[in-house]
Amino acid sequence: MTDMGKAVGIIEVYGLAAAFVAVDAGCKAAAVTVETLDKNKPGNADALPVPLIVAIKFRGSVEDVKSAVEAAATAAKGISGVISQHVIANVEDSTEKMLKLNAFDKN
C-alpha cells in the first residue's frame, strides 16, 4: 500500500529513548503507521540535552496523524524534549520524495 494521499506528521525529539517512547505513544493513540526514523547529529550537539535529534514520521488520516503527533509530543517531553512538530495534510509529490530520505542507513 502506498502512502500517497495520506497525511504525514513529523516530530523531532532529543535521543533514541524519547523517539521510542514517542512512537509507542503515537501508535497507541491513533491508527497510524510509522516510517523509518531519521537521525541528525547537529554541529552544536554538545550544547543539546541529548546529542542526537531523531525525526519520527507518522502516516494516516489527518485526524489520526494529529492525535499521534500530540501523544508523541506529550510522551517525549517527559523524557528529553521536543524540538519541533508539524502535520502536512496533503503532501506534495516532491516533498513525498524527501520524506523517504533517512540517515540511519548511513555510516
PDB file of N, CA and C in Angstrom:
ATOM      1  N   MET A   1       0.846  -1.185   0.000  1.00  0.00           N
ATOM      2  CA  MET A   1       0.000   0.000   0.000  1.00  0.00           C
ATOM      3  C   MET A   1       0.887   1.242   0.000  1.00  0.00           C
ATOM      4  N   THR A   2       0.534   2.219  -0.778  1.00  0.00           N
ATOM      5  CA  THR A   2       1.308   3.451  -0.886  1.00  0.00           C
ATOM      6  C   THR A   2       0.873   4.469   0.168  1.00  0.00           C
ATOM      7  N   ASP A   3       1.802   5.376   0.499  1.00  0.00           N
ATOM      8  CA  ASP A   3       1.486   6.437   1.446  1.00  0.00           C
ATOM      9  C   ASP A   3       0.938   7.673   0.751  1.00  0.00           C
ATOM     10  N   MET A   4       0.925   7.661  -0.580  1.00  0.00           N
ATOM     11  CA  MET A   4       0.403   8.805  -1.335  1.00  0.00           C
ATOM     12  C   MET A   4      -1.035   9.076  -0.903  1.00  0.00           C
ATOM     13  N   GLY A   5      -1.348  10.337  -0.690  1.00  0.00           N
ATOM     14  CA  GLY A   5      -2.695  10.714  -0.297  1.00  0.00           C
ATOM     15  C   GLY A   5      -2.933  10.683   1.196  1.00  0.00           C
ATOM     16  N   LYS A   6      -1.971  10.179   1.958  1.00  0.00           N
ATOM     17  CA  LYS A   6      -2.102  10.156   3.401  1.00  0.00           C
ATOM     18  C   LYS A   6      -1.407  11.373   4.003  1.00  0.00           C
ATOM     19  N   ALA A   7      -1.920  11.809   5.123  1.00  0.00           N
ATOM     20  CA  ALA A   7      -1.264  12.894   5.854  1.00  0.00           C
ATOM     21  C   ALA A   7       0.021  12.363   6.476  1.00  0.00           C
ATOM     22  N   VAL A   8       0.949  13.271   6.745  1.00  0.00           N
ATOM     23  CA  VAL A   8       2.166  12.905   7.447  1.00  0.00           C
ATOM     24  C   VAL A   8       2.346  13.855   8.628  1.00  0.00           C
ATOM     25  N   GLY A   9       2.715  13.298   9.751  1.00  0.00           N
ATOM     26  CA  GLY A   9       3.044  14.095  10.930  1.00  0.00           C
ATOM     27  C   GLY A   9       4.501  13.857  11.259  1.00  0.00           C
ATOM     28  N   ILE A  10       5.241  14.935  11.442  1.00  0.00           N
ATOM     29  CA  ILE A  10       6.668  14.839  11.721  1.00  0.00           C
ATOM     30  C   ILE A  10       6.920  15.456  13.088  1.00  0.00           C
ATOM     31  N   ILE A  11       7.663  14.744  13.905  1.00  0.00           N
ATOM     32  CA  ILE A  11       8.046  15.260  15.208  1.00  0.00           C
ATOM     33  C   ILE A  11       9.520  14.953  15.416  1.00  0.00           C
ATOM     34  N   GLU A  12      10.272  15.959  15.852  1.00  0.00           N
ATOM     35  CA  GLU A  12      11.693  15.789  16.146  1.00  0.00           C
ATOM     36  C   GLU A  12      11.878  15.820  17.657  1.00  0.00           C
ATOM     37  N   VAL A  13      12.618  14.825  18.154  1.00  0.00           N
ATOM     38  CA  VAL A  13      12.860  14.712  19.595  1.00  0.00           C
ATOM     39  C   VAL A  13      14.352  14.542  19.855  1.00  0.00           C
ATOM     40  N   TYR A  14      14.741  14.726  21.104  1.00  0.00           N
ATOM     41  CA  TYR A  14      16.127  14.520  21.505  1.00  0.00           C
ATOM     42  C   TYR A  14      16.338  13.069  21.927  1.00  0.00           C
ATOM     43  N   GLY A  15      17.114  12.309  21.161  1.00  0.00           N
ATOM     44  CA  GLY A  15      17.547  10.975  21.555  1.00  0.00           C
ATOM     45  C   GLY A  15      16.639   9.827  21.167  1.00  0.00           C
ATOM     46  N   LEU A  16      17.249   8.640  21.117  1.00  0.00           N
ATOM     47  CA  LEU A  16      16.512   7.431  20.731  1.00  0.00           C
ATOM     48  C   LEU A  16      15.495   6.985  21.765  1.00  0.00           C
ATOM     49  N   ALA A  17      15.819   7.125  23.047  1.00  0.00           N
ATOM     50  CA  ALA A  17      14.865   6.701  24.077  1.00  0.00           C
ATOM     51  C   ALA A  17      13.565   7.490  23.939  1.00  0.00           C
ATOM     52  N   ALA A  18      13.673   8.801  23.777  1.00  0.00           N
ATOM     53  CA  ALA A  18      12.476   9.632  23.594  1.00  0.00           C
ATOM     54  C   ALA A  18      11.757   9.254  22.307  1.00  0.00           C
ATOM     55  N   ALA A  19      12.503   8.935  21.261  1.00  0.00           N
ATOM     56  CA  ALA A  19      11.886   8.542  19.990  1.00  0.00           C
ATOM     57  C   ALA A  19      11.076   7.263  20.147  1.00  0.00           C
ATOM     58  N   PHE A  20      11.627   6.263  20.833  1.00  0.00           N
ATOM     59  CA  PHE A  20      10.907   5.003  21.018  1.00  0.00           C
ATOM     60  C   PHE A  20       9.643   5.209  21.847  1.00  0.00           C
ATOM     61  N   VAL A  21       9.748   6.005  22.896  1.00  0.00           N
ATOM     62  CA  VAL A  21       8.588   6.288  23.741  1.00  0.00           C
ATOM     63  C   VAL A  21       7.535   7.065  22.943  1.00  0.00           C
ATOM     64  N   ALA A  22       7.982   8.020  22.120  1.00  0.00           N
ATOM     65  CA  ALA A  22       7.067   8.818  21.311  1.00  0.00           C
ATOM     66  C   ALA A  22       6.357   7.959  20.264  1.00  0.00           C
ATOM     67  N   VAL A  23       7.091   7.079  19.597  1.00  0.00           N
ATOM     68  CA  VAL A  23       6.487   6.189  18.612  1.00  0.00           C
ATOM     69  C   VAL A  23       5.427   5.310  19.278  1.00  0.00           C
ATOM     70  N   ASP A  24       5.760   4.749  20.405  1.00  0.00           N
ATOM     71  CA  ASP A  24       4.826   3.886  21.125  1.00  0.00           C
ATOM     72  C   ASP A  24       3.554   4.648  21.486  1.00  0.00           C
ATOM     73  N   ALA A  25       3.700   5.854  22.028  1.00  0.00           N
ATOM     74  CA  ALA A  25       2.536   6.655  22.425  1.00  0.00           C
ATOM     75  C   ALA A  25       1.701   7.043  21.214  1.00  0.00           C
ATOM     76  N   GLY A  26       2.357   7.451  20.134  1.00  0.00           N
ATOM     77  CA  GLY A  26       1.635   7.859  18.938  1.00  0.00           C
ATOM     78  C   GLY A  26       0.838   6.723  18.319  1.00  0.00           C
ATOM     79  N   CYS A  27       1.445   5.550  18.264  1.00  0.00           N
ATOM     80  CA  CYS A  27       0.771   4.388  17.673  1.00  0.00           C
ATOM     81  C   CYS A  27      -0.376   3.890  18.547  1.00  0.00           C
ATOM     82  N   LYS A  28      -0.253   4.064  19.851  1.00  0.00           N
ATOM     83  CA  LYS A  28      -1.342   3.666  20.751  1.00  0.00           C
ATOM     84  C   LYS A  28      -2.498   4.657  20.699  1.00  0.00           C
ATOM     85  N   ALA A  29      -2.219   5.913  20.345  1.00  0.00           N
ATOM     86  CA  ALA A  29      -3.239   6.958  20.355  1.00  0.00           C
ATOM     87  C   ALA A  29      -4.106   6.984  19.108  1.00  0.00           C
ATOM     88  N   ALA A  30      -3.594   6.447  17.996  1.00  0.00           N
ATOM     89  CA  ALA A  30      -4.331   6.578  16.733  1.00  0.00           C
ATOM     90  C   ALA A  30      -3.927   5.483  15.749  1.00  0.00           C
ATOM     91  N   ALA A  31      -4.743   5.341  14.727  1.00  0.00           N
ATOM     92  CA  ALA A  31      -4.485   4.348  13.676  1.00  0.00           C
ATOM     93  C   ALA A  31      -3.508   4.940  12.661  1.00  0.00           C
ATOM     94  N   VAL A  32      -2.218   4.843  12.978  1.00  0.00           N
ATOM     95  CA  VAL A  32      -1.169   5.389  12.115  1.00  0.00           C
ATOM     96  C   VAL A  32      -0.108   4.327  11.871  1.00  0.00           C
ATOM     97  N   THR A  33       0.704   4.577  10.865  1.00  0.00           N
ATOM     98  CA  THR A  33       1.900   3.771  10.647  1.00  0.00           C
ATOM     99  C   THR A  33       3.095   4.696  10.846  1.00  0.00           C
ATOM    100  N   VAL A  34       4.246   4.099  11.069  1.00  0.00           N
ATOM    101  CA  VAL A  34       5.467   4.866  11.283  1.00  0.00           C
ATOM    102  C   VAL A  34       6.454   4.513  10.184  1.00  0.00           C
ATOM    103  N   GLU A  35       7.025   5.550   9.569  1.00  0.00           N
ATOM    104  CA  GLU A  35       8.080   5.337   8.586  1.00  0.00           C
ATOM    105  C   GLU A  35       9.410   5.219   9.319  1.00  0.00           C
ATOM    106  N   THR A  36      10.448   4.862   8.590  1.00  0.00           N
ATOM    107  CA  THR A  36      11.779   4.741   9.178  1.00  0.00           C
ATOM    108  C   THR A  36      12.156   6.026   9.905  1.00  0.00           C
ATOM    109  N   LEU A  37      12.675   5.877  11.111  1.00  0.00           N
ATOM    110  CA  LEU A  37      13.127   7.045  11.865  1.00  0.00           C
ATOM    111  C   LEU A  37      14.343   7.648  11.169  1.00  0.00           C
ATOM    112  N   ASP A  38      14.588   8.922  11.437  1.00  0.00           N
ATOM    113  CA  ASP A  38      15.743   9.590  10.864  1.00  0.00           C
ATOM    114  C   ASP A  38      16.528  10.250  11.979  1.00  0.00           C
ATOM    115  N   LYS A  39      17.829  10.384  11.782  1.00  0.00           N
ATOM    116  CA  LYS A  39      18.688  10.970  12.821  1.00  0.00           C
ATOM    117  C   LYS A  39      19.472  12.142  12.269  1.00  0.00           C
ATOM    118  N   ASN A  40      19.871  13.000  13.182  1.00  0.00           N
ATOM    119  CA  ASN A  40      20.703  14.137  12.839  1.00  0.00           C
ATOM    120  C   ASN A  40      21.549  14.471  14.065  1.00  0.00           C
ATOM    121  N   LYS A  41      22.844  14.525  13.869  1.00  0.00           N
ATOM    122  CA  LYS A  41      23.730  14.969  14.942  1.00  0.00           C
ATOM    123  C   LYS A  41      24.244  16.345  14.538  1.00  0.00           C
ATOM    124  N   PRO A  42      23.618  17.394  15.066  1.00  0.00           N
ATOM    125  CA  PRO A  42      23.992  18.741  14.653  1.00  0.00           C
ATOM    126  C   PRO A  42      25.375  19.144  15.146  1.00  0.00           C
ATOM    127  N   GLY A  43      25.907  20.195  14.531  1.00  0.00           N
ATOM    128  CA  GLY A  43      27.232  20.682  14.876  1.00  0.00           C
ATOM    129  C   GLY A  43      27.360  21.112  16.322  1.00  0.00           C
ATOM    130  N   ASN A  44      26.275  21.571  16.925  1.00  0.00           N
ATOM    131  CA  ASN A  44      26.308  22.007  18.323  1.00  0.00           C
ATOM    132  C   ASN A  44      25.801  20.912  19.267  1.00  0.00           C
ATOM    133  N   ALA A  45      26.027  19.665  18.919  1.00  0.00           N
ATOM    134  CA  ALA A  45      25.481  18.532  19.664  1.00  0.00           C
ATOM    135  C   ALA A  45      25.807  18.572  21.152  1.00  0.00           C
ATOM    136  N   ASP A  46      26.993  19.019  21.511  1.00  0.00           N
ATOM    137  CA  ASP A  46      27.367  19.046  22.925  1.00  0.00           C
ATOM    138  C   ASP A  46      26.547  20.041  23.732  1.00  0.00           C
ATOM    139  N   ALA A  47      25.926  21.007  23.082  1.00  0.00           N
ATOM    140  CA  ALA A  47      25.112  22.003  23.774  1.00  0.00           C
ATOM    141  C   ALA A  47      23.656  21.546  23.955  1.00  0.00           C
ATOM    142  N   LEU A  48      23.286  20.425  23.356  1.00  0.00           N
ATOM    143  CA  LEU A  48      21.913  19.936  23.410  1.00  0.00           C
ATOM    144  C   LEU A  48      21.683  19.046  24.622  1.00  0.00           C
ATOM    145  N   PRO A  49      20.412  18.899  25.046  1.00  0.00           N
ATOM    146  CA  PRO A  49      20.114  17.998  26.172  1.00  0.00           C
ATOM    147  C   PRO A  49      20.580  16.567  25.907  1.00  0.00           C
ATOM    148  N   VAL A  50      20.444  16.116  24.667  1.00  0.00           N
ATOM    149  CA  VAL A  50      20.922  14.819  24.191  1.00  0.00           C
ATOM    150  C   VAL A  50      21.544  15.101  22.824  1.00  0.00           C
ATOM    151  N   PRO A  51      22.741  14.589  22.529  1.00  0.00           N
ATOM    152  CA  PRO A  51      23.435  14.993  21.306  1.00  0.00           C
ATOM    153  C   PRO A  51      22.940  14.351  20.004  1.00  0.00           C
ATOM    154  N   LEU A  52      21.711  13.886  19.982  1.00  0.00           N
ATOM    155  CA  LEU A  52      21.149  13.265  18.786  1.00  0.00           C
ATOM    156  C   LEU A  52      19.707  13.724  18.624  1.00  0.00           C
ATOM    157  N   ILE A  53      19.351  14.153  17.434  1.00  0.00           N
ATOM    158  CA  ILE A  53      17.972  14.523  17.122  1.00  0.00           C
ATOM    159  C   ILE A  53      17.391  13.412  16.253  1.00  0.00           C
ATOM    160  N   VAL A  54      16.197  12.953  16.616  1.00  0.00           N
ATOM    161  CA  VAL A  54      15.536  11.887  15.868  1.00  0.00           C
ATOM    162  C   VAL A  54      14.195  12.409  15.352  1.00  0.00           C
ATOM    163  N   ALA A  55      13.964  12.214  14.056  1.00  0.00           N
ATOM    164  CA  ALA A  55      12.695  12.596  13.434  1.00  0.00           C
ATOM    165  C   ALA A  55      11.823  11.353  13.278  1.00  0.00           C
ATOM    166  N   ILE A  56      10.578  11.499  13.666  1.00  0.00           N
ATOM    167  CA  ILE A  56       9.583  10.432  13.570  1.00  0.00           C
ATOM    168  C   ILE A  56       8.532  10.896  12.568  1.00  0.00           C
ATOM    169  N   LYS A  57       8.120   9.998  11.669  1.00  0.00           N
ATOM    170  CA  LYS A  57       7.104  10.340  10.676  1.00  0.00           C
ATOM    171  C   LYS A  57       5.933   9.369  10.807  1.00  0.00           C
ATOM    172  N   PHE A  58       4.771   9.908  11.181  1.00  0.00           N
ATOM    173  CA  PHE A  58       3.541   9.135  11.276  1.00  0.00           C
ATOM    174  C   PHE A  58       2.729   9.332  10.002  1.00  0.00           C
ATOM    175  N   ARG A  59       2.031   8.285   9.547  1.00  0.00           N
ATOM    176  CA  ARG A  59       1.164   8.352   8.365  1.00  0.00           C
ATOM    177  C   ARG A  59      -0.235   7.879   8.712  1.00  0.00           C
ATOM    178  N   GLY A  60      -1.220   8.521   8.119  1.00  0.00           N
ATOM    179  CA  GLY A  60      -2.609   8.130   8.313  1.00  0.00           C
ATOM    180  C   GLY A  60      -3.530   9.256   7.914  1.00  0.00           C
ATOM    181  N   SER A  61      -4.757   9.190   8.398  1.00  0.00           N
ATOM    182  CA  SER A  61      -5.698  10.285   8.138  1.00  0.00           C
ATOM    183  C   SER A  61      -5.220  11.522   8.894  1.00  0.00           C
ATOM    184  N   VAL A  62      -5.703  12.680   8.481  1.00  0.00           N
ATOM    185  CA  VAL A  62      -5.282  13.926   9.128  1.00  0.00           C
ATOM    186  C   VAL A  62      -5.570  13.874  10.626  1.00  0.00           C
ATOM    187  N   GLU A  63      -6.755  13.467  11.000  1.00  0.00           N
ATOM    188  CA  GLU A  63      -7.116  13.438  12.428  1.00  0.00           C
ATOM    189  C   GLU A  63      -6.278  12.434  13.201  1.00  0.00           C
ATOM    190  N   ASP A  64      -6.047  11.248  12.632  1.00  0.00           N
ATOM    191  CA  ASP A  64      -5.218  10.254  13.317  1.00  0.00           C
ATOM    192  C   ASP A  64      -3.783  10.747  13.474  1.00  0.00           C
ATOM    193  N   VAL A  65      -3.262  11.364  12.428  1.00  0.00           N
ATOM    194  CA  VAL A  65      -1.883  11.864  12.489  1.00  0.00           C
ATOM    195  C   VAL A  65      -1.764  12.973  13.540  1.00  0.00           C
ATOM    196  N   LYS A  66      -2.742  13.871  13.586  1.00  0.00           N
ATOM    197  CA  LYS A  66      -2.722  14.929  14.604  1.00  0.00           C
ATOM    198  C   LYS A  66      -2.725  14.320  16.004  1.00  0.00           C
ATOM    199  N   SER A  67      -3.567  13.335  16.232  1.00  0.00           N
ATOM    200  CA  SER A  67      -3.636  12.675  17.542  1.00  0.00           C
ATOM    201  C   SER A  67      -2.326  11.982  17.882  1.00  0.00           C
ATOM    202  N   ALA A  68      -1.740  11.311  16.908  1.00  0.00           N
ATOM    203  CA  ALA A  68      -0.473  10.609  17.135  1.00  0.00           C
ATOM    204  C   ALA A  68       0.650  11.587  17.475  1.00  0.00           C
ATOM    205  N   VAL A  69       0.733  12.680  16.742  1.00  0.00           N
ATOM    206  CA  VAL A  69       1.790  13.665  16.992  1.00  0.00           C
ATOM    207  C   VAL A  69       1.630  14.282  18.376  1.00  0.00           C
ATOM    208  N   GLU A  70       0.415  14.611  18.758  1.00  0.00           N
ATOM    209  CA  GLU A  70       0.191  15.192  20.091  1.00  0.00           C
ATOM    210  C   GLU A  70       0.565  14.208  21.200  1.00  0.00           C
ATOM    211  N   ALA A  71       0.165  12.952  21.043  1.00  0.00           N
ATOM    212  CA  ALA A  71       0.512  11.936  22.047  1.00  0.00           C
ATOM    213  C   ALA A  71       2.023  11.721  22.100  1.00  0.00           C
ATOM    214  N   ALA A  72       2.652  11.693  20.937  1.00  0.00           N
ATOM    215  CA  ALA A  72       4.105  11.522  20.879  1.00  0.00           C
ATOM    216  C   ALA A  72       4.824  12.687  21.546  1.00  0.00           C
ATOM    217  N   ALA A  73       4.345  13.898  21.300  1.00  0.00           N
ATOM    218  CA  ALA A  73       4.965  15.083  21.900  1.00  0.00           C
ATOM    219  C   ALA A  73       4.843  15.056  23.423  1.00  0.00           C
ATOM    220  N   THR A  74       3.687  14.714  23.899  1.00  0.00           N
ATOM    221  CA  THR A  74       3.490  14.636  25.352  1.00  0.00           C
ATOM    222  C   THR A  74       4.441  13.610  25.960  1.00  0.00           C
ATOM    223  N   ALA A  75       4.566  12.466  25.332  1.00  0.00           N
ATOM    224  CA  ALA A  75       5.445  11.410  25.845  1.00  0.00           C
ATOM    225  C   ALA A  75       6.917  11.826  25.791  1.00  0.00           C
ATOM    226  N   ALA A  76       7.343  12.413  24.688  1.00  0.00           N
ATOM    227  CA  ALA A  76       8.752  12.797  24.527  1.00  0.00           C
ATOM    228  C   ALA A  76       9.143  13.918  25.484  1.00  0.00           C
ATOM    229  N   LYS A  77       8.218  14.821  25.769  1.00  0.00           N
ATOM    230  CA  LYS A  77       8.509  15.913  26.709  1.00  0.00           C
ATOM    231  C   LYS A  77       8.857  15.366  28.091  1.00  0.00           C
ATOM    232  N   GLY A  78       8.315  14.206  28.432  1.00  0.00           N
ATOM    233  CA  GLY A  78       8.620  13.586  29.716  1.00  0.00           C
ATOM    234  C   GLY A  78       9.970  12.893  29.746  1.00  0.00           C
ATOM    235  N   ILE A  79      10.598  12.710  28.604  1.00  0.00           N
ATOM    236  CA  ILE A  79      11.903  12.044  28.532  1.00  0.00           C
ATOM    237  C   ILE A  79      13.015  13.075  28.356  1.00  0.00           C
ATOM    238  N   SER A  80      13.062  13.722  27.212  1.00  0.00           N
ATOM    239  CA  SER A  80      14.160  14.662  26.961  1.00  0.00           C
ATOM    240  C   SER A  80      13.732  15.918  26.220  1.00  0.00           C
ATOM    241  N   GLY A  81      12.581  15.908  25.604  1.00  0.00           N
ATOM    242  CA  GLY A  81      12.079  17.108  24.953  1.00  0.00           C
ATOM    243  C   GLY A  81      11.770  16.966  23.484  1.00  0.00           C
ATOM    244  N   VAL A  82      11.005  17.942  22.994  1.00  0.00           N
ATOM    245  CA  VAL A  82      10.577  18.009  21.601  1.00  0.00           C
ATOM    246  C   VAL A  82      11.204  19.244  20.976  1.00  0.00           C
ATOM    247  N   ILE A  83      11.718  19.085  19.780  1.00  0.00           N
ATOM    248  CA  ILE A  83      12.314  20.200  19.054  1.00  0.00           C
ATOM    249  C   ILE A  83      11.266  20.874  18.183  1.00  0.00           C
ATOM    250  N   SER A  84      10.562  20.074  17.389  1.00  0.00           N
ATOM    251  CA  SER A  84       9.524  20.621  16.518  1.00  0.00           C
ATOM    252  C   SER A  84       8.520  19.535  16.172  1.00  0.00           C
ATOM    253  N   GLN A  85       7.364  19.971  15.718  1.00  0.00           N
ATOM    254  CA  GLN A  85       6.335  19.037  15.272  1.00  0.00           C
ATOM    255  C   GLN A  85       5.451  19.738  14.259  1.00  0.00           C
ATOM    256  N   HIS A  86       4.990  18.975  13.271  1.00  0.00           N
ATOM    257  CA  HIS A  86       4.140  19.560  12.232  1.00  0.00           C
ATOM    258  C   HIS A  86       3.366  18.454  11.526  1.00  0.00           C
ATOM    259  N   VAL A  87       2.173  18.791  11.073  1.00  0.00           N
ATOM    260  CA  VAL A  87       1.343  17.875  10.295  1.00  0.00           C
ATOM    261  C   VAL A  87       1.138  18.474   8.908  1.00  0.00           C
ATOM    262  N   ILE A  88       1.375  17.663   7.881  1.00  0.00           N
ATOM    263  CA  ILE A  88       1.102  18.053   6.496  1.00  0.00           C
ATOM    264  C   ILE A  88      -0.094  17.223   6.044  1.00  0.00           C
ATOM    265  N   ALA A  89      -1.203  17.895   5.785  1.00  0.00           N
ATOM    266  CA  ALA A  89      -2.444  17.189   5.446  1.00  0.00           C
ATOM    267  C   ALA A  89      -2.412  16.565   4.061  1.00  0.00           C
ATOM    268  N   ASN A  90      -1.821  17.247   3.110  1.00  0.00           N
ATOM    269  CA  ASN A  90      -1.805  16.772   1.734  1.00  0.00           C
ATOM    270  C   ASN A  90      -0.394  16.975   1.189  1.00  0.00           C
ATOM    271  N   VAL A  91       0.408  15.939   1.218  1.00  0.00           N
ATOM    272  CA  VAL A  91       1.819  16.030   0.864  1.00  0.00           C
ATOM    273  C   VAL A  91       2.000  16.177  -0.641  1.00  0.00           C
ATOM    274  N   GLU A  92       2.775  17.159  -1.054  1.00  0.00           N
ATOM    275  CA  GLU A  92       3.095  17.410  -2.456  1.00  0.00           C
ATOM    276  C   GLU A  92       4.089  16.347  -2.928  1.00  0.00           C
ATOM    277  N   ASP A  93       4.052  16.009  -4.201  1.00  0.00           N
ATOM    278  CA  ASP A  93       4.869  14.922  -4.743  1.00  0.00           C
ATOM    279  C   ASP A  93       6.369  15.077  -4.470  1.00  0.00           C
ATOM    280  N   SER A  94       6.927  16.256  -4.675  1.00  0.00           N
ATOM    281  CA  SER A  94       8.371  16.424  -4.458  1.00  0.00           C
ATOM    282  C   SER A  94       8.719  16.343  -2.979  1.00  0.00           C
ATOM    283  N   THR A  95       7.817  16.764  -2.119  1.00  0.00           N
ATOM    284  CA  THR A  95       8.027  16.625  -0.673  1.00  0.00           C
ATOM    285  C   THR A  95       7.982  15.155  -0.293  1.00  0.00           C
ATOM    286  N   GLU A  96       7.110  14.418  -0.948  1.00  0.00           N
ATOM    287  CA  GLU A  96       6.989  12.971  -0.697  1.00  0.00           C
ATOM    288  C   GLU A  96       8.331  12.279  -0.911  1.00  0.00           C
ATOM    289  N   LYS A  97       9.057  12.652  -1.941  1.00  0.00           N
ATOM    290  CA  LYS A  97      10.366  12.057  -2.209  1.00  0.00           C
ATOM    291  C   LYS A  97      11.340  12.360  -1.083  1.00  0.00           C
ATOM    292  N   MET A  98      11.319  13.578  -0.575  1.00  0.00           N
ATOM    293  CA  MET A  98      12.231  13.963   0.509  1.00  0.00           C
ATOM    294  C   MET A  98      11.900  13.237   1.808  1.00  0.00           C
ATOM    295  N   LEU A  99      10.637  12.924   2.015  1.00  0.00           N
ATOM    296  CA  LEU A  99      10.237  12.228   3.233  1.00  0.00           C
ATOM    297  C   LEU A  99      10.801  10.804   3.301  1.00  0.00           C
ATOM    298  N   LYS A 100      11.199  10.264   2.169  1.00  0.00           N
ATOM    299  CA  LYS A 100      11.755   8.911   2.129  1.00  0.00           C
ATOM    300  C   LYS A 100      13.228   8.872   2.552  1.00  0.00           C
ATOM    301  N   LEU A 101      13.890  10.022   2.593  1.00  0.00           N
ATOM    302  CA  LEU A 101      15.299  10.067   2.989  1.00  0.00           C
ATOM    303  C   LEU A 101      15.465   9.755   4.460  1.00  0.00           C
ATOM    304  N   ASN A 102      16.533   9.036   4.802  1.00  0.00           N
ATOM    305  CA  ASN A 102      16.861   8.847   6.211  1.00  0.00           C
ATOM    306  C   ASN A 102      18.346   8.579   6.357  1.00  0.00           C
ATOM    307  N   ALA A 103      18.881   8.904   7.516  1.00  0.00           N
ATOM    308  CA  ALA A 103      20.324   8.802   7.743  1.00  0.00           C
ATOM    309  C   ALA A 103      20.725   7.596   8.581  1.00  0.00           C
ATOM    310  N   PHE A 104      19.767   6.810   9.070  1.00  0.00           N
ATOM    311  CA  PHE A 104      20.134   5.647   9.884  1.00  0.00           C
ATOM    312  C   PHE A 104      20.858   4.589   9.056  1.00  0.00           C
ATOM    313  N   ASP A 105      20.660   4.598   7.742  1.00  0.00           N
ATOM    314  CA  ASP A 105      21.314   3.618   6.880  1.00  0.00           C
ATOM    315  C   ASP A 105      22.757   3.990   6.556  1.00  0.00           C
ATOM    316  N   LYS A 106      23.140   5.196   6.882  1.00  0.00           N
ATOM    317  CA  LYS A 106      24.463   5.695   6.508  1.00  0.00           C
ATOM    318  C   LYS A 106      25.456   5.558   7.652  1.00  0.00           C
ATOM    319  N   ASN A 107      26.707   5.399   7.306  1.00  0.00           N
ATOM    320  CA  ASN A 107      27.757   5.297   8.328  1.00  0.00           C
ATOM    321  C   ASN A 107      28.191   6.650   8.797  1.00  0.00           C
TER     322      ASN A 107
END
